[in-house]
Amino acid sequence: MTNRKMGILITVICVVISLLPVAAGLILYSRLPEQLPLFYTFEGEVNMYAGKMVCITLLPAICAVITIILAIALRSFIKKSAGFYLTVLMTAPIFSCSLQAMTLAGTFGLTVTDMTITMILVGVLFYLLGAIVPAVGPNSLMGARFPWIMDDDEAWYKTQVFTGRFMIVSGIIFIIDAFADIGGMTGDIVLILGAVILLVIASGIYSYAVANR
């Protein structure tokens, strides 16, 4: 498969995933109230309602458009790393599915905590950064920058791949926790801080090991 066809396939898949919440909303349409939450504050409180057709279609449509824009802007990256390209494009579908699930969950009386949106956003941020880090060369701003790998390209690359995968997994866990509500707000804060501390320690140990192999 050519890079162009691969890019088109990935884009189509991501657009379809972004629009899946529309299908879910239509299936549940008759059971939904006439007004649904449209926008939330960062604390997870509803600050605007709209008709249910608008609510089940607007966010997925916006995410689908964002996916297409990202695909066009990053089309050159498909030649360098299809994995990086896919991971960046998956950001919008994750937002679409996560936030729409939050809306529908609240509608049916399921618990939506104040930290739900925060955990989703932090999760997506970790996921996205985890995808970008492995593609970044030695620099003074981004990545796991330990002094013993700055002049070792191989150790640098292996460390960034390790760090990136750790961040992607952490991001997915954060998004799951947004809906699982494990430990409430205190549990969410402990989870984030714990993941960051473990990331630094694990990356440091791994980077030292590969640098002194």
Foldseek 3Di string as FASTA:
>chain_A
DDLVVLLVVLLVVLLVLLLVLLVVCVVCVVVFDQKFQQDADLQGHGDDIDGSNCRSGVLSVVLNVVLVVLSVVCSVCSVVDVQLSNQQSNLSSLVSVLVSVLRVCVRVPHDQGRNLNVLLVQLSVLSNLLSCQLVDFQDDPDALDDPLCNPPRVLSNVLSNVLSVLSNVLSVVSNVCSRVCPPHPVVSVCSVVVSVVCSNVVSVVSSVVVSVD
